[in-house]
Amino acid sequence: MRTTIELKDDQRARLLELAARRREKGFSNIIAEAVEAYLAAQDAGEAARAKALAARGALSAAEASEVAEAVHALRENWR
């Protein structure tokens, strides 16, 4: 499918350079790969958020307090 996207001149130049190194006529394949990678990352992020939300309430109040204290202690010594 054809579509129009806005690119900065330097982005277009770099894409054409990369396509030439890959012996490709244009940069459509590179754009398609980038879109696929972006969408996969979005899906992975959504899956991770769903997993984190599903774990909500899995710790008792005492366990949550212990974890919070441990995190606080780590952050105190972080540098």
N, C-alpha and C. Protein backbone atom coordinates (compact mmCIF):
# COMPACT_ATOMS: atom_id res chain seq x y z
N MET A 1 0.84 -1.17 0.00
CA MET A 1 0.00 0.00 0.00
C MET A 1 0.89 1.24 0.00
N ARG A 2 0.48 2.23 -0.71
CA ARG A 2 1.26 3.45 -0.80
C ARG A 2 0.68 4.49 0.15
N THR A 3 1.57 5.26 0.74
CA THR A 3 1.15 6.35 1.61
C THR A 3 2.22 7.43 1.57
N THR A 4 1.92 8.56 2.12
CA THR A 4 2.87 9.67 2.17
C THR A 4 3.24 9.93 3.61
N ILE A 5 4.53 10.09 3.86
CA ILE A 5 4.99 10.45 5.20
C ILE A 5 5.92 11.66 5.06
N GLU A 6 5.99 12.44 6.10
CA GLU A 6 6.87 13.60 6.12
C GLU A 6 8.18 13.19 6.80
N LEU A 7 9.29 13.43 6.12
CA LEU A 7 10.62 13.16 6.66
C LEU A 7 11.45 14.43 6.58
N LYS A 8 12.36 14.55 7.51
CA LYS A 8 13.33 15.64 7.43
C LYS A 8 14.33 15.28 6.33
N ASP A 9 14.94 16.29 5.74
CA ASP A 9 15.88 16.05 4.65
C ASP A 9 17.01 15.11 5.06
N ASP A 10 17.54 15.31 6.27
CA ASP A 10 18.64 14.46 6.71
C ASP A 10 18.19 13.02 6.94
N GLN A 11 16.94 12.83 7.38
CA GLN A 11 16.41 11.47 7.56
C GLN A 11 16.30 10.78 6.21
N ARG A 12 15.77 11.49 5.23
CA ARG A 12 15.62 10.92 3.89
C ARG A 12 16.99 10.55 3.31
N ALA A 13 17.96 11.43 3.49
CA ALA A 13 19.30 11.17 2.97
C ALA A 13 19.90 9.93 3.63
N ARG A 14 19.73 9.82 4.94
CA ARG A 14 20.28 8.66 5.65
C ARG A 14 19.58 7.37 5.23
N LEU A 15 18.27 7.45 5.02
CA LEU A 15 17.54 6.26 4.57
C LEU A 15 17.99 5.83 3.18
N LEU A 16 18.18 6.80 2.29
CA LEU A 16 18.65 6.47 0.94
C LEU A 16 20.05 5.87 0.99
N GLU A 17 20.89 6.40 1.88
CA GLU A 17 22.24 5.87 2.06
C GLU A 17 22.19 4.41 2.52
N LEU A 18 21.35 4.16 3.53
CA LEU A 18 21.21 2.80 4.06
C LEU A 18 20.67 1.86 2.99
N ALA A 19 19.68 2.32 2.24
CA ALA A 19 19.11 1.49 1.17
C ALA A 19 20.18 1.16 0.13
N ALA A 20 21.00 2.13 -0.20
CA ALA A 20 22.05 1.90 -1.19
C ALA A 20 23.04 0.86 -0.68
N ARG A 21 23.39 0.95 0.60
CA ARG A 21 24.32 -0.04 1.17
C ARG A 21 23.71 -1.44 1.15
N ARG A 22 22.38 -1.49 1.26
CA ARG A 22 21.69 -2.78 1.22
C ARG A 22 21.35 -3.20 -0.20
N ARG A 23 21.78 -2.40 -1.14
CA ARG A 23 21.52 -2.64 -2.58
C ARG A 23 20.02 -2.68 -2.88
N GLU A 24 19.29 -1.78 -2.24
CA GLU A 24 17.86 -1.66 -2.49
C GLU A 24 17.60 -0.37 -3.25
N LYS A 25 16.58 -0.38 -4.08
CA LYS A 25 16.28 0.77 -4.93
C LYS A 25 15.78 1.96 -4.12
N GLY A 26 14.91 1.73 -3.15
CA GLY A 26 14.36 2.79 -2.32
C GLY A 26 14.40 2.37 -0.87
N PHE A 27 13.75 3.14 -0.01
CA PHE A 27 13.80 2.82 1.41
C PHE A 27 12.48 2.31 1.97
N SER A 28 11.59 1.86 1.12
CA SER A 28 10.30 1.33 1.58
C SER A 28 10.47 0.13 2.51
N ASN A 29 11.39 -0.77 2.18
CA ASN A 29 11.62 -1.94 3.05
C ASN A 29 12.12 -1.52 4.42
N ILE A 30 12.97 -0.51 4.46
CA ILE A 30 13.52 -0.03 5.74
C ILE A 30 12.40 0.57 6.58
N ILE A 31 11.53 1.35 5.94
CA ILE A 31 10.40 1.95 6.65
C ILE A 31 9.48 0.85 7.18
N ALA A 32 9.20 -0.16 6.35
CA ALA A 32 8.33 -1.27 6.76
C ALA A 32 8.94 -2.00 7.96
N GLU A 33 10.26 -2.25 7.93
CA GLU A 33 10.93 -2.90 9.07
C GLU A 33 10.83 -2.05 10.32
N ALA A 34 11.01 -0.75 10.17
CA ALA A 34 10.95 0.16 11.32
C ALA A 34 9.54 0.18 11.92
N VAL A 35 8.54 0.20 11.07
CA VAL A 35 7.15 0.19 11.55
C VAL A 35 6.86 -1.12 12.28
N GLU A 36 7.30 -2.24 11.71
CA GLU A 36 7.08 -3.54 12.36
C GLU A 36 7.76 -3.58 13.73
N ALA A 37 8.99 -3.08 13.81
CA ALA A 37 9.71 -3.06 15.09
C ALA A 37 8.99 -2.18 16.10
N TYR A 38 8.52 -1.03 15.65
CA TYR A 38 7.80 -0.12 16.54
C TYR A 38 6.51 -0.76 17.06
N LEU A 39 5.75 -1.37 16.16
CA LEU A 39 4.50 -2.01 16.56
C LEU A 39 4.75 -3.18 17.51
N ALA A 40 5.80 -3.96 17.26
CA ALA A 40 6.14 -5.07 18.15
C ALA A 40 6.50 -4.55 19.53
N ALA A 41 7.24 -3.44 19.59
CA ALA A 41 7.61 -2.86 20.88
C ALA A 41 6.38 -2.35 21.61
N GLN A 42 5.44 -1.77 20.88
CA GLN A 42 4.20 -1.31 21.49
C GLN A 42 3.41 -2.49 22.05
N ASP A 43 3.33 -3.55 21.28
CA ASP A 43 2.62 -4.75 21.75
C ASP A 43 3.29 -5.33 23.00
N ALA A 44 4.62 -5.37 22.99
CA ALA A 44 5.35 -5.91 24.15
C ALA A 44 5.12 -5.03 25.38
N GLY A 45 5.11 -3.72 25.17
CA GLY A 45 4.86 -2.80 26.28
C GLY A 45 3.46 -2.98 26.85
N GLU A 46 2.48 -3.14 25.97
CA GLU A 46 1.11 -3.35 26.43
C GLU A 46 0.99 -4.67 27.18
N ALA A 47 1.67 -5.70 26.68
CA ALA A 47 1.63 -7.01 27.35
C ALA A 47 2.28 -6.91 28.73
N ALA A 48 3.39 -6.19 28.83
CA ALA A 48 4.07 -6.03 30.12
C ALA A 48 3.19 -5.25 31.10
N ARG A 49 2.51 -4.20 30.60
CA ARG A 49 1.61 -3.44 31.47
C ARG A 49 0.45 -4.30 31.95
N ALA A 50 -0.10 -5.11 31.05
CA ALA A 50 -1.20 -5.99 31.43
C ALA A 50 -0.74 -7.01 32.48
N LYS A 51 0.47 -7.54 32.29
CA LYS A 51 1.01 -8.51 33.25
C LYS A 51 1.23 -7.85 34.61
N ALA A 52 1.75 -6.62 34.59
CA ALA A 52 1.98 -5.90 35.85
C ALA A 52 0.66 -5.60 36.54
N LEU A 53 -0.34 -5.19 35.79
CA LEU A 53 -1.64 -4.90 36.38
C LEU A 53 -2.30 -6.17 36.92
N ALA A 54 -2.06 -7.31 36.26
CA ALA A 54 -2.63 -8.57 36.73
C ALA A 54 -2.01 -8.99 38.06
N ALA A 55 -0.77 -8.56 38.30
CA ALA A 55 -0.09 -8.91 39.54
C ALA A 55 -0.50 -8.00 40.70
N ARG A 56 -1.27 -6.99 40.39
CA ARG A 56 -1.70 -6.04 41.41
C ARG A 56 -2.43 -6.78 42.54
N GLY A 57 -2.00 -6.50 43.76
CA GLY A 57 -2.62 -7.12 44.92
C GLY A 57 -2.07 -8.50 45.25
N ALA A 58 -1.03 -8.93 44.53
CA ALA A 58 -0.47 -10.26 44.76
C ALA A 58 0.35 -10.31 46.05
N LEU A 59 0.85 -9.17 46.50
CA LEU A 59 1.63 -9.13 47.74
C LEU A 59 0.73 -8.74 48.91
N SER A 60 1.04 -9.29 50.05
CA SER A 60 0.33 -8.85 51.25
C SER A 60 0.84 -7.46 51.61
N ALA A 61 0.17 -6.80 52.51
CA ALA A 61 0.59 -5.47 52.94
C ALA A 61 2.00 -5.52 53.54
N ALA A 62 2.28 -6.57 54.31
CA ALA A 62 3.61 -6.71 54.93
C ALA A 62 4.68 -6.92 53.86
N GLU A 63 4.39 -7.76 52.86
CA GLU A 63 5.35 -8.01 51.79
C GLU A 63 5.59 -6.73 50.98
N ALA A 64 4.53 -6.01 50.70
CA ALA A 64 4.65 -4.76 49.95
C ALA A 64 5.49 -3.76 50.72
N SER A 65 5.31 -3.70 52.02
CA SER A 65 6.10 -2.81 52.87
C SER A 65 7.57 -3.19 52.84
N GLU A 66 7.87 -4.48 52.88
CA GLU A 66 9.25 -4.95 52.82
C GLU A 66 9.90 -4.57 51.49
N VAL A 67 9.18 -4.75 50.41
CA VAL A 67 9.70 -4.40 49.09
C VAL A 67 9.95 -2.89 49.01
N ALA A 68 8.99 -2.10 49.50
CA ALA A 68 9.15 -0.65 49.47
C ALA A 68 10.36 -0.22 50.27
N GLU A 69 10.58 -0.83 51.43
CA GLU A 69 11.75 -0.50 52.25
C GLU A 69 13.04 -0.88 51.54
N ALA A 70 13.06 -2.04 50.91
CA ALA A 70 14.25 -2.48 50.18
C ALA A 70 14.56 -1.54 49.02
N VAL A 71 13.53 -1.13 48.30
CA VAL A 71 13.72 -0.19 47.19
C VAL A 71 14.24 1.14 47.72
N HIS A 72 13.67 1.61 48.80
CA HIS A 72 14.11 2.88 49.40
C HIS A 72 15.59 2.79 49.80
N ALA A 73 15.98 1.67 50.42
CA ALA A 73 17.38 1.49 50.83
C ALA A 73 18.30 1.47 49.62
N LEU A 74 17.89 0.81 48.55
CA LEU A 74 18.71 0.78 47.33
C LEU A 74 18.87 2.18 46.75
N ARG A 75 17.79 2.93 46.72
CA ARG A 75 17.84 4.28 46.16
C ARG A 75 18.70 5.22 47.01
N GLU A 76 18.74 4.99 48.30
CA GLU A 76 19.58 5.81 49.20
C GLU A 76 21.06 5.65 48.83
N ASN A 77 21.45 4.44 48.43
CA ASN A 77 22.85 4.15 48.14
C ASN A 77 23.18 4.18 46.65
N TRP A 78 22.24 4.59 45.84
CA TRP A 78 22.40 4.60 44.39
C TRP A 78 23.32 5.74 43.97
N ARG A 79 24.36 5.47 43.27
CA ARG A 79 25.23 6.52 42.70
C ARG A 79 26.25 5.94 41.83
